N, C-alpha and C. Protein backbone atom coordinates (compact mmCIF):
# COMPACT_ATOMS: atom_id res chain seq x y z
N MET A 1 0.82 -1.20 0.00
CA MET A 1 0.00 0.00 0.00
C MET A 1 0.86 1.26 0.00
N PHE A 2 1.90 1.32 0.83
CA PHE A 2 2.76 2.49 0.89
C PHE A 2 4.20 2.06 0.64
N GLY A 3 4.98 2.93 -0.01
CA GLY A 3 6.39 2.66 -0.22
C GLY A 3 7.19 3.04 1.01
N LYS A 4 8.51 3.01 0.87
CA LYS A 4 9.38 3.37 1.99
C LYS A 4 9.19 4.85 2.33
N LEU A 5 9.07 5.14 3.61
CA LEU A 5 8.86 6.50 4.07
C LEU A 5 10.15 7.09 4.59
N MET A 6 10.41 8.33 4.21
CA MET A 6 11.61 9.05 4.64
C MET A 6 11.19 10.35 5.31
N PRO A 7 11.94 10.78 6.33
CA PRO A 7 11.61 12.07 6.95
C PRO A 7 11.92 13.22 5.98
N ALA A 8 11.07 14.23 5.97
CA ALA A 8 11.33 15.42 5.16
C ALA A 8 12.55 16.14 5.73
N GLU A 9 13.14 16.98 4.93
CA GLU A 9 14.32 17.75 5.37
C GLU A 9 14.01 18.50 6.66
N SER A 10 14.94 18.50 7.58
CA SER A 10 14.84 19.17 8.89
C SER A 10 13.91 18.45 9.86
N THR A 11 13.45 17.26 9.52
CA THR A 11 12.50 16.55 10.35
C THR A 11 13.18 15.36 11.03
N PRO A 12 12.94 15.16 12.32
CA PRO A 12 13.54 14.01 13.00
C PRO A 12 12.94 12.68 12.53
N VAL A 13 13.70 11.61 12.65
CA VAL A 13 13.24 10.27 12.31
C VAL A 13 12.25 9.81 13.38
N VAL A 14 11.17 9.16 12.96
CA VAL A 14 10.14 8.66 13.86
C VAL A 14 9.99 7.16 13.64
N GLU A 15 9.93 6.40 14.72
CA GLU A 15 9.71 4.95 14.63
C GLU A 15 8.21 4.66 14.51
N GLY A 16 7.86 3.64 13.73
CA GLY A 16 6.48 3.21 13.62
C GLY A 16 5.64 3.99 12.63
N VAL A 17 6.28 4.63 11.66
CA VAL A 17 5.53 5.49 10.73
C VAL A 17 4.66 4.70 9.75
N MET A 18 5.06 3.48 9.38
CA MET A 18 4.26 2.72 8.41
C MET A 18 2.86 2.44 8.98
N ALA A 19 2.79 1.94 10.20
CA ALA A 19 1.49 1.66 10.82
C ALA A 19 0.73 2.95 11.09
N ASP A 20 1.44 4.00 11.48
CA ASP A 20 0.81 5.29 11.75
C ASP A 20 0.17 5.86 10.49
N LYS A 21 0.87 5.75 9.37
CA LYS A 21 0.32 6.26 8.11
C LYS A 21 -0.91 5.45 7.71
N LYS A 22 -0.83 4.16 7.85
CA LYS A 22 -1.95 3.29 7.48
C LYS A 22 -3.20 3.64 8.29
N ASN A 23 -3.03 3.95 9.56
CA ASN A 23 -4.16 4.26 10.44
C ASN A 23 -4.54 5.74 10.45
N GLY A 24 -3.78 6.57 9.73
CA GLY A 24 -4.02 8.01 9.73
C GLY A 24 -5.26 8.41 8.96
N THR A 25 -5.63 9.67 9.11
CA THR A 25 -6.79 10.25 8.44
C THR A 25 -6.33 10.97 7.19
N LYS A 26 -7.00 10.69 6.06
CA LYS A 26 -6.64 11.33 4.80
C LYS A 26 -7.47 12.59 4.63
N LEU A 27 -6.76 13.70 4.36
CA LEU A 27 -7.40 14.98 4.05
C LEU A 27 -6.71 15.52 2.81
N GLY A 28 -7.43 15.57 1.70
CA GLY A 28 -6.81 16.00 0.45
C GLY A 28 -5.74 15.00 0.04
N GLN A 29 -4.58 15.50 -0.30
CA GLN A 29 -3.49 14.62 -0.73
C GLN A 29 -2.55 14.25 0.42
N TYR A 30 -2.91 14.60 1.64
CA TYR A 30 -2.07 14.36 2.81
C TYR A 30 -2.75 13.36 3.75
N ARG A 31 -1.95 12.72 4.57
CA ARG A 31 -2.47 11.80 5.59
C ARG A 31 -1.92 12.25 6.94
N PHE A 32 -2.81 12.31 7.93
CA PHE A 32 -2.46 12.79 9.25
C PHE A 32 -2.54 11.65 10.25
N GLY A 33 -1.39 11.26 10.79
CA GLY A 33 -1.34 10.21 11.79
C GLY A 33 -1.08 10.81 13.16
N LYS A 34 -0.98 9.95 14.16
CA LYS A 34 -0.70 10.42 15.52
C LYS A 34 0.76 10.84 15.67
N LEU A 35 1.65 10.25 14.86
CA LEU A 35 3.08 10.53 14.97
C LEU A 35 3.58 11.56 13.96
N ALA A 36 2.94 11.61 12.77
CA ALA A 36 3.48 12.43 11.69
C ALA A 36 2.41 12.82 10.69
N VAL A 37 2.77 13.77 9.83
CA VAL A 37 1.98 14.15 8.66
C VAL A 37 2.69 13.56 7.46
N TYR A 38 1.94 12.90 6.58
CA TYR A 38 2.53 12.19 5.45
C TYR A 38 2.22 12.92 4.16
N LEU A 39 3.27 13.21 3.41
CA LEU A 39 3.17 13.96 2.17
C LEU A 39 3.08 13.00 0.99
N PRO A 40 2.59 13.47 -0.17
CA PRO A 40 2.41 12.59 -1.32
C PRO A 40 3.71 11.98 -1.87
N ASP A 41 4.85 12.58 -1.57
CA ASP A 41 6.12 12.07 -2.11
C ASP A 41 6.78 11.04 -1.19
N ASN A 42 5.98 10.41 -0.31
CA ASN A 42 6.46 9.38 0.63
C ASN A 42 7.45 9.93 1.66
N THR A 43 7.33 11.20 1.98
CA THR A 43 8.08 11.76 3.10
C THR A 43 7.09 12.09 4.21
N TYR A 44 7.62 12.26 5.40
CA TYR A 44 6.75 12.60 6.52
C TYR A 44 7.39 13.71 7.35
N ILE A 45 6.55 14.37 8.14
CA ILE A 45 6.98 15.42 9.04
C ILE A 45 6.51 15.03 10.44
N ALA A 46 7.44 14.89 11.36
CA ALA A 46 7.11 14.50 12.73
C ALA A 46 6.23 15.57 13.37
N ARG A 47 5.11 15.15 13.93
CA ARG A 47 4.17 16.11 14.53
C ARG A 47 4.79 16.87 15.70
N ASN A 48 5.65 16.22 16.48
CA ASN A 48 6.22 16.91 17.63
C ASN A 48 7.26 17.97 17.24
N ALA A 49 7.60 18.06 15.96
CA ALA A 49 8.55 19.07 15.48
C ALA A 49 7.84 20.27 14.85
N ILE A 50 6.53 20.20 14.69
CA ILE A 50 5.75 21.23 14.00
C ILE A 50 5.42 22.37 14.96
N SER A 51 5.58 23.61 14.47
CA SER A 51 5.21 24.78 15.27
C SER A 51 4.58 25.85 14.38
N ASN A 52 3.92 26.81 15.00
CA ASN A 52 3.35 27.98 14.32
C ASN A 52 2.43 27.60 13.16
N VAL A 53 1.37 26.87 13.44
CA VAL A 53 0.41 26.45 12.41
C VAL A 53 -0.56 27.59 12.15
N VAL A 54 -0.70 27.97 10.86
CA VAL A 54 -1.56 29.09 10.46
C VAL A 54 -2.32 28.70 9.20
N VAL A 55 -3.61 29.06 9.15
CA VAL A 55 -4.41 28.89 7.94
C VAL A 55 -4.54 30.25 7.27
N SER A 56 -4.30 30.28 5.96
CA SER A 56 -4.44 31.53 5.20
C SER A 56 -4.83 31.19 3.77
N VAL A 57 -5.15 32.22 3.02
CA VAL A 57 -5.40 32.07 1.58
C VAL A 57 -4.23 32.72 0.87
N GLU A 58 -3.54 31.93 0.06
CA GLU A 58 -2.33 32.42 -0.61
C GLU A 58 -2.49 32.33 -2.12
N SER A 59 -1.78 33.20 -2.81
CA SER A 59 -1.78 33.11 -4.27
C SER A 59 -0.76 32.07 -4.69
N ILE A 60 -1.18 31.22 -5.59
CA ILE A 60 -0.34 30.15 -6.11
C ILE A 60 -0.07 30.46 -7.57
N PRO A 61 1.21 30.61 -7.97
CA PRO A 61 1.49 30.91 -9.37
C PRO A 61 1.06 29.75 -10.27
N THR A 62 0.49 30.10 -11.40
CA THR A 62 0.06 29.08 -12.36
C THR A 62 0.87 29.22 -13.64
N LYS A 63 0.93 28.16 -14.38
CA LYS A 63 1.59 28.20 -15.68
C LYS A 63 0.51 28.30 -16.74
N GLY A 64 0.86 28.87 -17.83
CA GLY A 64 -0.11 29.02 -18.91
C GLY A 64 0.08 30.34 -19.59
N CYS A 65 -0.81 30.64 -20.50
CA CYS A 65 -0.65 31.84 -21.32
C CYS A 65 -0.80 33.13 -20.53
N CYS A 66 -1.64 33.14 -19.54
CA CYS A 66 -1.94 34.39 -18.83
C CYS A 66 -1.09 34.61 -17.59
N GLY A 67 -0.67 33.54 -16.94
CA GLY A 67 0.10 33.66 -15.72
C GLY A 67 -0.70 34.27 -14.58
N ILE A 68 -2.01 34.08 -14.60
CA ILE A 68 -2.87 34.62 -13.56
C ILE A 68 -2.76 33.73 -12.32
N PRO A 69 -2.48 34.32 -11.16
CA PRO A 69 -2.36 33.48 -9.96
C PRO A 69 -3.71 32.93 -9.52
N ALA A 70 -3.69 31.74 -8.97
CA ALA A 70 -4.87 31.15 -8.36
C ALA A 70 -4.74 31.34 -6.86
N PHE A 71 -5.86 31.41 -6.18
CA PHE A 71 -5.84 31.57 -4.73
C PHE A 71 -6.31 30.28 -4.09
N SER A 72 -5.56 29.82 -3.10
CA SER A 72 -5.85 28.54 -2.47
C SER A 72 -5.73 28.65 -0.95
N PRO A 73 -6.67 28.03 -0.23
CA PRO A 73 -6.50 27.93 1.22
C PRO A 73 -5.24 27.11 1.51
N THR A 74 -4.45 27.57 2.43
CA THR A 74 -3.16 26.96 2.72
C THR A 74 -2.95 26.84 4.22
N VAL A 75 -2.37 25.71 4.63
CA VAL A 75 -1.96 25.53 6.02
C VAL A 75 -0.44 25.65 6.02
N THR A 76 0.07 26.62 6.75
CA THR A 76 1.51 26.87 6.81
C THR A 76 2.01 26.56 8.22
N PHE A 77 3.18 25.92 8.29
CA PHE A 77 3.79 25.65 9.59
C PHE A 77 5.29 25.55 9.42
N TYR A 78 5.99 25.50 10.54
CA TYR A 78 7.45 25.45 10.52
C TYR A 78 7.95 24.21 11.24
N VAL A 79 9.07 23.70 10.75
CA VAL A 79 9.87 22.69 11.44
C VAL A 79 11.25 23.29 11.51
N GLU A 80 11.68 23.60 12.73
CA GLU A 80 12.87 24.41 12.97
C GLU A 80 12.68 25.71 12.20
N LYS A 81 13.52 26.03 11.23
CA LYS A 81 13.36 27.29 10.48
C LYS A 81 12.80 27.05 9.08
N ARG A 82 12.48 25.80 8.75
CA ARG A 82 11.96 25.49 7.41
C ARG A 82 10.44 25.62 7.39
N LYS A 83 9.95 26.29 6.36
CA LYS A 83 8.53 26.54 6.19
C LYS A 83 7.92 25.45 5.30
N PHE A 84 6.77 24.92 5.72
CA PHE A 84 6.02 23.94 4.93
C PHE A 84 4.65 24.50 4.65
N ARG A 85 4.10 24.17 3.46
CA ARG A 85 2.75 24.58 3.10
C ARG A 85 1.98 23.36 2.61
N LEU A 86 0.78 23.20 3.13
CA LEU A 86 -0.13 22.16 2.65
C LEU A 86 -1.28 22.87 1.96
N LEU A 87 -1.52 22.54 0.70
CA LEU A 87 -2.61 23.17 -0.05
C LEU A 87 -3.91 22.42 0.21
N ALA A 88 -4.98 23.16 0.40
CA ALA A 88 -6.29 22.58 0.65
C ALA A 88 -7.24 22.97 -0.48
N SER A 89 -8.29 22.18 -0.64
CA SER A 89 -9.26 22.48 -1.70
C SER A 89 -10.33 23.46 -1.24
N SER A 90 -10.45 23.67 0.07
CA SER A 90 -11.45 24.61 0.59
C SER A 90 -10.98 25.12 1.94
N GLU A 91 -11.60 26.19 2.38
CA GLU A 91 -11.25 26.72 3.71
C GLU A 91 -11.64 25.73 4.81
N LYS A 92 -12.74 24.99 4.60
CA LYS A 92 -13.15 23.99 5.57
C LYS A 92 -12.09 22.90 5.69
N GLN A 93 -11.58 22.43 4.54
CA GLN A 93 -10.54 21.40 4.58
C GLN A 93 -9.27 21.94 5.24
N ALA A 94 -8.92 23.18 4.98
CA ALA A 94 -7.75 23.80 5.62
C ALA A 94 -7.93 23.84 7.13
N SER A 95 -9.12 24.15 7.60
CA SER A 95 -9.39 24.17 9.04
C SER A 95 -9.27 22.78 9.64
N LEU A 96 -9.76 21.76 8.92
CA LEU A 96 -9.63 20.38 9.40
C LEU A 96 -8.16 19.97 9.47
N MET A 97 -7.37 20.40 8.48
CA MET A 97 -5.93 20.10 8.49
C MET A 97 -5.26 20.76 9.69
N ARG A 98 -5.59 22.03 9.92
CA ARG A 98 -5.01 22.74 11.06
C ARG A 98 -5.37 22.04 12.36
N ASP A 99 -6.64 21.66 12.49
CA ASP A 99 -7.07 20.96 13.70
C ASP A 99 -6.33 19.63 13.87
N ALA A 100 -6.08 18.93 12.77
CA ALA A 100 -5.36 17.66 12.83
C ALA A 100 -3.90 17.86 13.25
N LEU A 101 -3.34 19.03 12.94
CA LEU A 101 -1.94 19.30 13.29
C LEU A 101 -1.76 19.74 14.73
N VAL A 102 -2.71 20.47 15.27
CA VAL A 102 -2.51 21.05 16.60
C VAL A 102 -3.03 20.18 17.73
N ILE A 103 -3.70 19.10 17.45
CA ILE A 103 -4.23 18.23 18.51
C ILE A 103 -3.11 17.35 19.04
């Protein structure tokens, strides 16, 4: 079901991530477990390393003829000094993601 999981840059190694990911809650393209947040590229971010969780609406650059930015609800947080952003499909989903991170 899942490939080998690696910690994201600046993130500590966590034991038991395979079972945690399997039992985690899926929100959008991310999975939220008790130990970590799992990203689509088979990396994870240890929950105990996450700080400063904020929900906002950010402009996301798009490619194409016009280059018009799209606006997306985003959950932003830090691990040490590195900034991470999780894109959500709605403000409600972004709030659920934030709640999953701060519990």
